[in-house]
N, C-alpha and C. Protein backbone atom coordinates (compact mmCIF):
# COMPACT_ATOMS: atom_id res chain seq x y z
N MET A 1 140.92 181.64 63.50
CA MET A 1 139.81 182.18 62.75
C MET A 1 139.18 183.33 63.52
N GLY A 2 138.29 182.99 64.46
CA GLY A 2 137.66 184.05 65.23
C GLY A 2 138.25 184.16 66.62
N GLU A 3 139.38 183.51 66.84
CA GLU A 3 139.98 183.47 68.17
C GLU A 3 140.47 184.83 68.64
N ASP A 4 140.87 185.71 67.73
CA ASP A 4 141.41 186.99 68.16
C ASP A 4 140.32 188.01 68.44
N ARG A 5 139.07 187.68 68.18
CA ARG A 5 137.98 188.60 68.48
C ARG A 5 137.67 188.52 69.97
N GLU A 6 137.35 189.65 70.56
CA GLU A 6 137.06 189.68 71.99
C GLU A 6 135.59 189.39 72.24
N TRP A 7 135.32 188.44 73.10
CA TRP A 7 133.97 188.11 73.51
C TRP A 7 133.82 188.46 74.98
N ARG A 8 132.61 188.64 75.40
CA ARG A 8 132.33 189.08 76.77
C ARG A 8 132.64 187.95 77.76
N VAL A 9 133.65 188.19 78.59
CA VAL A 9 134.02 187.23 79.63
C VAL A 9 133.26 187.61 80.89
N LEU A 10 132.50 186.68 81.43
CA LEU A 10 131.75 186.94 82.66
C LEU A 10 132.65 186.84 83.88
N ARG A 11 133.49 185.80 83.90
CA ARG A 11 134.39 185.59 85.02
C ARG A 11 135.42 184.54 84.63
N TYR A 12 136.37 184.34 85.50
CA TYR A 12 137.37 183.30 85.30
C TYR A 12 137.21 182.26 86.39
N GLU A 13 137.33 181.01 86.02
CA GLU A 13 137.24 179.93 87.00
C GLU A 13 138.46 179.03 86.79
N ASP A 14 139.36 179.02 87.75
CA ASP A 14 140.62 178.27 87.65
C ASP A 14 141.40 178.66 86.40
N GLY A 15 141.38 179.93 86.07
CA GLY A 15 142.12 180.44 84.92
C GLY A 15 141.42 180.24 83.58
N VAL A 16 140.25 179.61 83.61
CA VAL A 16 139.50 179.37 82.37
C VAL A 16 138.41 180.43 82.26
N PRO A 17 138.35 181.13 81.13
CA PRO A 17 137.32 182.16 80.99
C PRO A 17 135.93 181.55 80.80
N ILE A 18 134.96 182.12 81.50
CA ILE A 18 133.55 181.74 81.35
C ILE A 18 132.90 182.86 80.56
N TYR A 19 132.40 182.52 79.37
CA TYR A 19 131.83 183.52 78.47
C TYR A 19 130.32 183.57 78.59
N ALA A 20 129.76 184.65 78.07
CA ALA A 20 128.31 184.76 77.89
C ALA A 20 128.00 184.23 76.49
N CYS A 21 126.96 183.43 76.38
CA CYS A 21 126.56 182.90 75.07
C CYS A 21 126.24 184.06 74.13
N ALA A 22 126.68 183.96 72.90
CA ALA A 22 126.45 185.03 71.92
C ALA A 22 124.98 185.18 71.57
N TYR A 23 124.19 184.13 71.77
CA TYR A 23 122.77 184.16 71.43
C TYR A 23 121.88 184.31 72.66
N HIS A 24 122.36 183.86 73.80
CA HIS A 24 121.65 183.97 75.07
C HIS A 24 122.60 184.61 76.08
N PRO A 25 122.66 185.93 76.15
CA PRO A 25 123.66 186.62 76.99
C PRO A 25 123.57 186.28 78.47
N GLN A 26 122.45 185.76 78.94
CA GLN A 26 122.30 185.44 80.36
C GLN A 26 122.89 184.07 80.71
N ARG A 27 123.29 183.28 79.71
CA ARG A 27 123.82 181.94 79.96
C ARG A 27 125.34 181.93 79.93
N GLU A 28 125.91 181.19 80.87
CA GLU A 28 127.36 181.04 80.93
C GLU A 28 127.77 179.82 80.11
N THR A 29 128.94 179.93 79.49
CA THR A 29 129.42 178.82 78.68
C THR A 29 130.93 178.87 78.52
N THR A 30 131.51 177.71 78.31
CA THR A 30 132.92 177.62 77.93
C THR A 30 133.04 177.04 76.52
N LEU A 31 131.93 176.65 75.96
CA LEU A 31 131.90 176.06 74.62
C LEU A 31 131.96 177.15 73.56
N ARG A 32 132.76 176.91 72.52
CA ARG A 32 132.89 177.90 71.45
C ARG A 32 132.76 177.21 70.09
N CYS A 33 132.27 177.97 69.14
CA CYS A 33 132.15 177.48 67.76
C CYS A 33 133.55 177.18 67.24
N ASN A 34 133.72 176.01 66.62
CA ASN A 34 135.06 175.66 66.15
C ASN A 34 135.40 176.33 64.82
N ARG A 35 134.49 177.10 64.26
CA ARG A 35 134.77 177.80 63.01
C ARG A 35 135.06 179.28 63.24
N CYS A 36 134.17 179.94 64.00
CA CYS A 36 134.34 181.39 64.19
C CYS A 36 134.78 181.75 65.60
N GLY A 37 134.72 180.81 66.55
CA GLY A 37 135.16 181.07 67.90
C GLY A 37 134.11 181.73 68.78
N ARG A 38 132.90 181.91 68.28
CA ARG A 38 131.83 182.56 69.03
C ARG A 38 131.42 181.66 70.20
N PRO A 39 131.25 182.23 71.41
CA PRO A 39 130.79 181.43 72.55
C PRO A 39 129.33 181.02 72.35
N ILE A 40 129.05 179.73 72.58
CA ILE A 40 127.70 179.22 72.39
C ILE A 40 127.35 178.30 73.55
N CYS A 41 126.09 178.35 73.96
CA CYS A 41 125.62 177.44 75.01
C CYS A 41 125.24 176.11 74.35
N THR A 42 124.92 175.13 75.17
CA THR A 42 124.61 173.81 74.63
C THR A 42 123.31 173.81 73.83
N GLU A 43 122.42 174.74 74.10
CA GLU A 43 121.18 174.82 73.33
C GLU A 43 121.44 175.35 71.92
N CYS A 44 122.38 176.25 71.79
CA CYS A 44 122.71 176.85 70.48
C CYS A 44 123.63 175.97 69.66
N ALA A 45 124.43 175.15 70.31
CA ALA A 45 125.46 174.37 69.62
C ALA A 45 124.83 173.35 68.68
N VAL A 46 125.38 173.27 67.49
CA VAL A 46 124.96 172.28 66.49
C VAL A 46 126.14 171.34 66.27
N LEU A 47 125.91 170.05 66.53
CA LEU A 47 126.98 169.07 66.37
C LEU A 47 127.16 168.76 64.89
N THR A 48 128.36 168.94 64.39
CA THR A 48 128.69 168.60 63.02
C THR A 48 129.77 167.52 63.05
N ASP A 49 130.18 167.06 61.88
CA ASP A 49 131.21 166.03 61.82
C ASP A 49 132.55 166.50 62.37
N VAL A 50 132.77 167.80 62.37
CA VAL A 50 134.06 168.34 62.80
C VAL A 50 133.99 169.04 64.15
N GLY A 51 132.88 168.95 64.85
CA GLY A 51 132.75 169.57 66.16
C GLY A 51 131.51 170.43 66.26
N TYR A 52 131.44 171.23 67.31
CA TYR A 52 130.28 172.08 67.53
C TYR A 52 130.42 173.40 66.78
N ARG A 53 129.32 173.81 66.17
CA ARG A 53 129.30 175.08 65.44
C ARG A 53 128.10 175.89 65.89
N CYS A 54 128.22 177.21 65.69
CA CYS A 54 127.11 178.10 66.03
C CYS A 54 126.07 178.06 64.90
N PRO A 55 124.83 178.46 65.18
CA PRO A 55 123.79 178.43 64.15
C PRO A 55 124.12 179.27 62.92
N ASP A 56 124.80 180.40 63.10
CA ASP A 56 125.15 181.24 61.95
C ASP A 56 126.10 180.52 61.00
N CYS A 57 127.10 179.87 61.53
CA CYS A 57 128.06 179.15 60.68
C CYS A 57 127.39 177.97 59.98
N VAL A 58 126.51 177.27 60.69
CA VAL A 58 125.80 176.13 60.09
C VAL A 58 124.90 176.62 58.96
N ASN A 59 124.15 177.69 59.19
CA ASN A 59 123.28 178.22 58.14
C ASN A 59 124.07 178.70 56.94
N GLU A 60 125.20 179.32 57.20
CA GLU A 60 126.04 179.81 56.10
C GLU A 60 126.55 178.65 55.24
N LEU A 61 126.97 177.58 55.89
CA LEU A 61 127.47 176.43 55.15
C LEU A 61 126.35 175.66 54.46
N GLU A 62 125.18 175.54 55.11
CA GLU A 62 124.06 174.83 54.50
C GLU A 62 123.51 175.56 53.29
N SER A 63 123.57 176.88 53.30
CA SER A 63 123.03 177.63 52.17
C SER A 63 123.81 177.34 50.89
N ARG A 64 125.04 176.85 51.02
CA ARG A 64 125.81 176.46 49.84
C ARG A 64 125.27 175.18 49.21
N PHE A 65 124.67 174.32 50.03
CA PHE A 65 124.16 173.05 49.54
C PHE A 65 122.78 173.18 48.91
N TYR A 66 121.94 174.02 49.47
CA TYR A 66 120.56 174.12 49.02
C TYR A 66 120.42 175.30 48.07
N ARG A 67 120.57 175.03 46.79
CA ARG A 67 120.54 176.09 45.78
C ARG A 67 119.48 175.84 44.71
N ALA A 68 118.48 175.07 45.00
CA ALA A 68 117.45 174.78 44.00
C ALA A 68 116.57 176.00 43.77
N ALA A 69 116.37 176.32 42.52
CA ALA A 69 115.45 177.39 42.14
C ALA A 69 114.03 176.83 42.21
N PRO A 70 113.02 177.70 42.26
CA PRO A 70 111.64 177.22 42.30
C PRO A 70 111.29 176.26 41.15
N ARG A 71 111.86 176.48 39.98
CA ARG A 71 111.56 175.59 38.85
C ARG A 71 112.10 174.19 39.09
N HIS A 72 113.23 174.07 39.78
CA HIS A 72 113.77 172.75 40.10
C HIS A 72 112.88 172.02 41.10
N VAL A 73 112.39 172.77 42.07
CA VAL A 73 111.50 172.17 43.06
C VAL A 73 110.20 171.72 42.39
N LEU A 74 109.65 172.57 41.53
CA LEU A 74 108.39 172.23 40.85
C LEU A 74 108.55 171.01 39.94
N THR A 75 109.65 170.93 39.21
CA THR A 75 109.84 169.75 38.35
C THR A 75 110.05 168.49 39.19
N SER A 76 110.70 168.61 40.33
CA SER A 76 110.86 167.46 41.22
C SER A 76 109.51 167.00 41.76
N LEU A 77 108.68 167.96 42.14
CA LEU A 77 107.35 167.61 42.66
C LEU A 77 106.48 167.00 41.57
N ALA A 78 106.57 167.54 40.36
CA ALA A 78 105.79 166.97 39.24
C ALA A 78 106.26 165.55 38.94
N ALA A 79 107.56 165.34 38.97
CA ALA A 79 108.09 163.99 38.74
C ALA A 79 107.65 163.04 39.86
N ALA A 80 107.63 163.53 41.09
CA ALA A 80 107.19 162.70 42.21
C ALA A 80 105.73 162.29 42.04
N ALA A 81 104.90 163.22 41.60
CA ALA A 81 103.48 162.89 41.39
C ALA A 81 103.33 161.87 40.27
N GLY A 82 104.00 162.10 39.15
CA GLY A 82 103.88 161.18 38.02
C GLY A 82 104.45 159.81 38.32
N LEU A 83 105.64 159.77 38.90
CA LEU A 83 106.26 158.49 39.21
C LEU A 83 105.52 157.77 40.33
N GLY A 84 104.96 158.51 41.27
CA GLY A 84 104.16 157.88 42.32
C GLY A 84 102.92 157.21 41.75
N PHE A 85 102.23 157.90 40.83
CA PHE A 85 101.05 157.34 40.20
C PHE A 85 101.41 156.08 39.41
N LEU A 86 102.50 156.15 38.64
CA LEU A 86 102.95 154.97 37.88
C LEU A 86 103.36 153.83 38.81
N THR A 87 103.93 154.17 39.96
CA THR A 87 104.31 153.15 40.93
C THR A 87 103.08 152.41 41.44
N GLY A 88 102.02 153.14 41.74
CA GLY A 88 100.78 152.50 42.18
C GLY A 88 100.20 151.58 41.12
N LEU A 89 100.13 152.07 39.89
CA LEU A 89 99.61 151.25 38.79
C LEU A 89 100.49 150.02 38.57
N ALA A 90 101.80 150.23 38.54
CA ALA A 90 102.72 149.12 38.30
C ALA A 90 102.66 148.09 39.43
N GLY A 91 102.52 148.56 40.65
CA GLY A 91 102.43 147.63 41.78
C GLY A 91 101.22 146.73 41.69
N VAL A 92 100.10 147.30 41.29
CA VAL A 92 98.88 146.50 41.14
C VAL A 92 99.06 145.51 39.99
N PHE A 93 99.60 145.97 38.87
CA PHE A 93 99.75 145.13 37.68
C PHE A 93 100.80 144.04 37.89
N ILE A 94 101.96 144.40 38.42
CA ILE A 94 103.03 143.42 38.64
C ILE A 94 102.59 142.39 39.68
N GLY A 95 101.83 142.83 40.66
CA GLY A 95 101.35 141.93 41.69
C GLY A 95 100.45 140.83 41.16
N ARG A 96 99.82 141.09 40.04
CA ARG A 96 98.96 140.08 39.41
C ARG A 96 99.80 138.86 39.02
N PHE A 97 101.05 139.08 38.63
CA PHE A 97 101.91 137.99 38.17
C PHE A 97 102.85 137.48 39.25
N LEU A 98 103.33 138.37 40.09
CA LEU A 98 104.34 137.97 41.08
C LEU A 98 103.79 137.77 42.49
N GLY A 99 102.60 138.27 42.76
CA GLY A 99 102.05 138.19 44.11
C GLY A 99 102.92 138.97 45.08
N LEU A 100 103.16 138.38 46.25
CA LEU A 100 103.99 139.08 47.23
C LEU A 100 105.47 139.07 46.87
N TRP A 101 105.85 138.34 45.83
CA TRP A 101 107.22 138.39 45.33
C TRP A 101 107.51 139.75 44.70
N THR A 102 106.50 140.60 44.64
CA THR A 102 106.68 141.96 44.14
C THR A 102 107.73 142.70 44.95
N VAL A 103 107.94 142.26 46.18
CA VAL A 103 108.93 142.91 47.03
C VAL A 103 110.33 142.83 46.40
N LEU A 104 110.59 141.81 45.59
CA LEU A 104 111.88 141.70 44.91
C LEU A 104 112.05 142.80 43.86
N VAL A 105 110.95 143.24 43.30
CA VAL A 105 110.98 144.31 42.30
C VAL A 105 110.93 145.67 42.98
N ALA A 106 110.38 145.71 44.18
CA ALA A 106 110.09 146.98 44.85
C ALA A 106 111.33 147.81 45.13
N PHE A 107 112.38 147.20 45.60
CA PHE A 107 113.56 147.99 45.99
C PHE A 107 114.29 148.60 44.79
N PRO A 108 114.55 147.84 43.72
CA PRO A 108 115.14 148.51 42.55
C PRO A 108 114.20 149.56 41.95
N TRP A 109 112.91 149.27 41.95
CA TRP A 109 111.93 150.23 41.43
C TRP A 109 111.98 151.52 42.26
N ALA A 110 112.02 151.37 43.57
CA ALA A 110 112.07 152.55 44.45
C ALA A 110 113.33 153.37 44.20
N GLY A 111 114.44 152.70 43.96
CA GLY A 111 115.67 153.42 43.63
C GLY A 111 115.55 154.19 42.33
N LEU A 112 114.88 153.61 41.35
CA LEU A 112 114.66 154.30 40.07
C LEU A 112 113.74 155.51 40.25
N VAL A 113 112.74 155.37 41.09
CA VAL A 113 111.84 156.50 41.36
C VAL A 113 112.61 157.64 42.01
N ALA A 114 113.42 157.33 43.02
CA ALA A 114 114.20 158.37 43.70
C ALA A 114 115.19 159.02 42.73
N GLU A 115 115.83 158.22 41.90
CA GLU A 115 116.78 158.76 40.91
C GLU A 115 116.06 159.64 39.89
N GLY A 116 114.87 159.22 39.47
CA GLY A 116 114.10 160.01 38.51
C GLY A 116 113.71 161.36 39.06
N ILE A 117 113.31 161.40 40.32
CA ILE A 117 112.94 162.67 40.96
C ILE A 117 114.17 163.57 41.07
N TRP A 118 115.29 162.99 41.45
CA TRP A 118 116.52 163.77 41.61
C TRP A 118 116.97 164.36 40.27
N ARG A 119 116.89 163.56 39.22
CA ARG A 119 117.30 164.05 37.90
C ARG A 119 116.30 165.05 37.34
N ALA A 120 115.03 164.89 37.64
CA ALA A 120 114.02 165.85 37.16
C ALA A 120 114.28 167.23 37.74
N GLY A 121 114.79 167.29 38.95
CA GLY A 121 115.13 168.56 39.58
C GLY A 121 116.52 169.03 39.22
N ALA A 122 117.10 168.49 38.16
CA ALA A 122 118.43 168.85 37.66
C ALA A 122 119.50 168.67 38.74
N ARG A 123 119.28 167.72 39.63
CA ARG A 123 120.23 167.39 40.70
C ARG A 123 120.52 168.56 41.63
N HIS A 124 119.54 169.41 41.82
CA HIS A 124 119.67 170.53 42.75
C HIS A 124 119.00 170.14 44.07
N ARG A 125 119.54 170.64 45.16
CA ARG A 125 119.01 170.34 46.49
C ARG A 125 118.15 171.48 46.98
N ALA A 126 117.14 171.13 47.76
CA ALA A 126 116.29 172.11 48.43
C ALA A 126 115.96 171.56 49.81
N ARG A 127 115.77 172.45 50.76
CA ARG A 127 115.45 172.02 52.12
C ARG A 127 114.14 171.25 52.15
N HIS A 128 114.16 170.12 52.81
CA HIS A 128 112.98 169.30 53.06
C HIS A 128 112.31 168.78 51.78
N LEU A 129 113.01 168.82 50.65
CA LEU A 129 112.41 168.32 49.41
C LEU A 129 112.14 166.83 49.50
N ASN A 130 112.97 166.10 50.24
CA ASN A 130 112.74 164.67 50.39
C ASN A 130 111.40 164.39 51.08
N VAL A 131 111.03 165.21 52.03
CA VAL A 131 109.76 165.01 52.73
C VAL A 131 108.59 165.28 51.78
N TYR A 132 108.66 166.39 51.06
CA TYR A 132 107.57 166.75 50.15
C TYR A 132 107.42 165.72 49.04
N THR A 133 108.53 165.27 48.48
CA THR A 133 108.43 164.30 47.39
C THR A 133 107.96 162.94 47.90
N ALA A 134 108.38 162.53 49.09
CA ALA A 134 107.94 161.24 49.63
C ALA A 134 106.44 161.25 49.88
N VAL A 135 105.93 162.33 50.45
CA VAL A 135 104.49 162.43 50.69
C VAL A 135 103.74 162.42 49.36
N LEU A 136 104.27 163.13 48.38
CA LEU A 136 103.62 163.19 47.07
C LEU A 136 103.67 161.83 46.37
N VAL A 137 104.79 161.11 46.46
CA VAL A 137 104.88 159.76 45.90
C VAL A 137 103.84 158.86 46.56
N PHE A 138 103.71 158.98 47.87
CA PHE A 138 102.75 158.14 48.59
C PHE A 138 101.31 158.46 48.19
N LEU A 139 100.95 159.74 48.18
CA LEU A 139 99.57 160.11 47.84
C LEU A 139 99.24 159.80 46.38
N ALA A 140 100.15 160.12 45.48
CA ALA A 140 99.92 159.80 44.06
C ALA A 140 99.92 158.29 43.86
N GLY A 141 100.74 157.59 44.63
CA GLY A 141 100.76 156.13 44.54
C GLY A 141 99.46 155.52 45.00
N LEU A 142 98.88 156.07 46.06
CA LEU A 142 97.56 155.58 46.51
C LEU A 142 96.52 155.80 45.42
N THR A 143 96.60 156.94 44.75
CA THR A 143 95.69 157.21 43.64
C THR A 143 95.90 156.19 42.53
N GLY A 144 97.15 155.90 42.21
CA GLY A 144 97.46 154.89 41.19
C GLY A 144 96.95 153.52 41.57
N VAL A 145 97.06 153.16 42.84
CA VAL A 145 96.55 151.87 43.31
C VAL A 145 95.03 151.82 43.16
N ALA A 146 94.37 152.91 43.54
CA ALA A 146 92.90 152.96 43.43
C ALA A 146 92.46 152.85 41.97
N VAL A 147 93.12 153.58 41.10
CA VAL A 147 92.77 153.53 39.67
C VAL A 147 93.06 152.15 39.09
N GLY A 148 94.22 151.58 39.42
CA GLY A 148 94.58 150.26 38.93
C GLY A 148 93.62 149.19 39.41
N THR A 149 93.20 149.27 40.64
CA THR A 149 92.23 148.31 41.17
C THR A 149 90.88 148.50 40.50
N TRP A 150 90.48 149.74 40.31
CA TRP A 150 89.19 150.03 39.66
C TRP A 150 89.17 149.53 38.22
N TRP A 151 90.31 149.63 37.52
CA TRP A 151 90.41 149.13 36.15
C TRP A 151 90.51 147.61 36.11
N GLY A 152 90.68 146.98 37.26
CA GLY A 152 90.76 145.53 37.32
C GLY A 152 92.13 144.97 36.96
N LEU A 153 93.17 145.74 37.19
CA LEU A 153 94.52 145.27 36.85
C LEU A 153 95.06 144.24 37.84
N GLY A 154 94.55 144.22 39.06
CA GLY A 154 95.05 143.28 40.05
C GLY A 154 94.64 143.68 41.45
N SER A 155 95.36 143.11 42.43
CA SER A 155 95.08 143.33 43.84
C SER A 155 95.75 144.61 44.35
N PRO A 156 95.07 145.35 45.21
CA PRO A 156 95.68 146.57 45.75
C PRO A 156 96.81 146.30 46.74
N LEU A 157 96.89 145.09 47.30
CA LEU A 157 97.90 144.80 48.31
C LEU A 157 99.32 145.00 47.79
N THR A 158 99.61 144.44 46.64
CA THR A 158 100.97 144.56 46.10
C THR A 158 101.25 146.00 45.66
N GLY A 159 100.23 146.69 45.20
CA GLY A 159 100.41 148.10 44.85
C GLY A 159 100.76 148.93 46.07
N LEU A 160 100.07 148.67 47.18
CA LEU A 160 100.37 149.39 48.42
C LEU A 160 101.78 149.07 48.92
N LEU A 161 102.18 147.82 48.75
CA LEU A 161 103.53 147.41 49.15
C LEU A 161 104.58 148.19 48.35
N LEU A 162 104.41 148.24 47.04
CA LEU A 162 105.37 148.94 46.19
C LEU A 162 105.39 150.43 46.48
N VAL A 163 104.21 151.02 46.67
CA VAL A 163 104.13 152.46 46.96
C VAL A 163 104.78 152.77 48.31
N GLY A 164 104.55 151.94 49.31
CA GLY A 164 105.14 152.17 50.63
C GLY A 164 106.66 152.11 50.60
N ILE A 165 107.20 151.13 49.89
CA ILE A 165 108.66 151.01 49.80
C ILE A 165 109.24 152.17 49.01
N ALA A 166 108.57 152.57 47.93
CA ALA A 166 109.06 153.71 47.13
C ALA A 166 109.04 154.99 47.94
N ALA A 167 107.96 155.24 48.68
CA ALA A 167 107.87 156.46 49.48
C ALA A 167 108.93 156.47 50.58
N ALA A 168 109.16 155.32 51.20
CA ALA A 168 110.19 155.24 52.25
C ALA A 168 111.58 155.48 51.67
N THR A 169 111.83 154.98 50.48
CA THR A 169 113.13 155.19 49.84
C THR A 169 113.33 156.65 49.49
N VAL A 170 112.31 157.27 48.92
CA VAL A 170 112.41 158.69 48.55
C VAL A 170 112.59 159.53 49.80
N TRP A 171 111.94 159.17 50.90
CA TRP A 171 112.06 159.91 52.16
C TRP A 171 113.52 159.94 52.63
N ARG A 172 114.22 158.82 52.47
CA ARG A 172 115.59 158.71 52.96
C ARG A 172 116.61 159.42 52.08
N VAL A 173 116.25 159.71 50.84
CA VAL A 173 117.19 160.37 49.93
C VAL A 173 117.23 161.85 50.27
N ARG A 174 118.42 162.40 50.42
CA ARG A 174 118.58 163.83 50.72
C ARG A 174 118.84 164.57 49.43
N TYR A 175 117.84 165.29 48.99
CA TYR A 175 117.98 166.04 47.73
C TYR A 175 118.66 167.35 48.00
């Protein structure tokens, strides 16, 4: 791939070329990107499933995955707010009947919330969208718990349990 390109060799040690890092010219390295062959120091190297790559190659490959338009991000965030609020209300209400057994409902519910957010964004990925949606599910869920408790639907404990599990599940999903 990039093996035939000439890189700056600082010196040879036992017949092995010591290169200057392509990003930090003052650093010596023998490590090279396994895609383009660019010399990289250990600070620049990004470990991937297939070996070490330079930041340019990683960014180039990642940009293929993250193609969400602003409208996809906005619909995902709107879905996170709505589903988070419903999660808080449902947690308070379901807790009235199930008590702490609400945890049995929490995990499938959290999966449905994560799936709903993903589908609302038309299954497009955006950088750090999982963080933004998890925080939004949590904050909207707290609002739902407060409203549900104020309306007298039940105890806030089970609502907080359901909201916490849903937010943690959404956090782990990579959109």
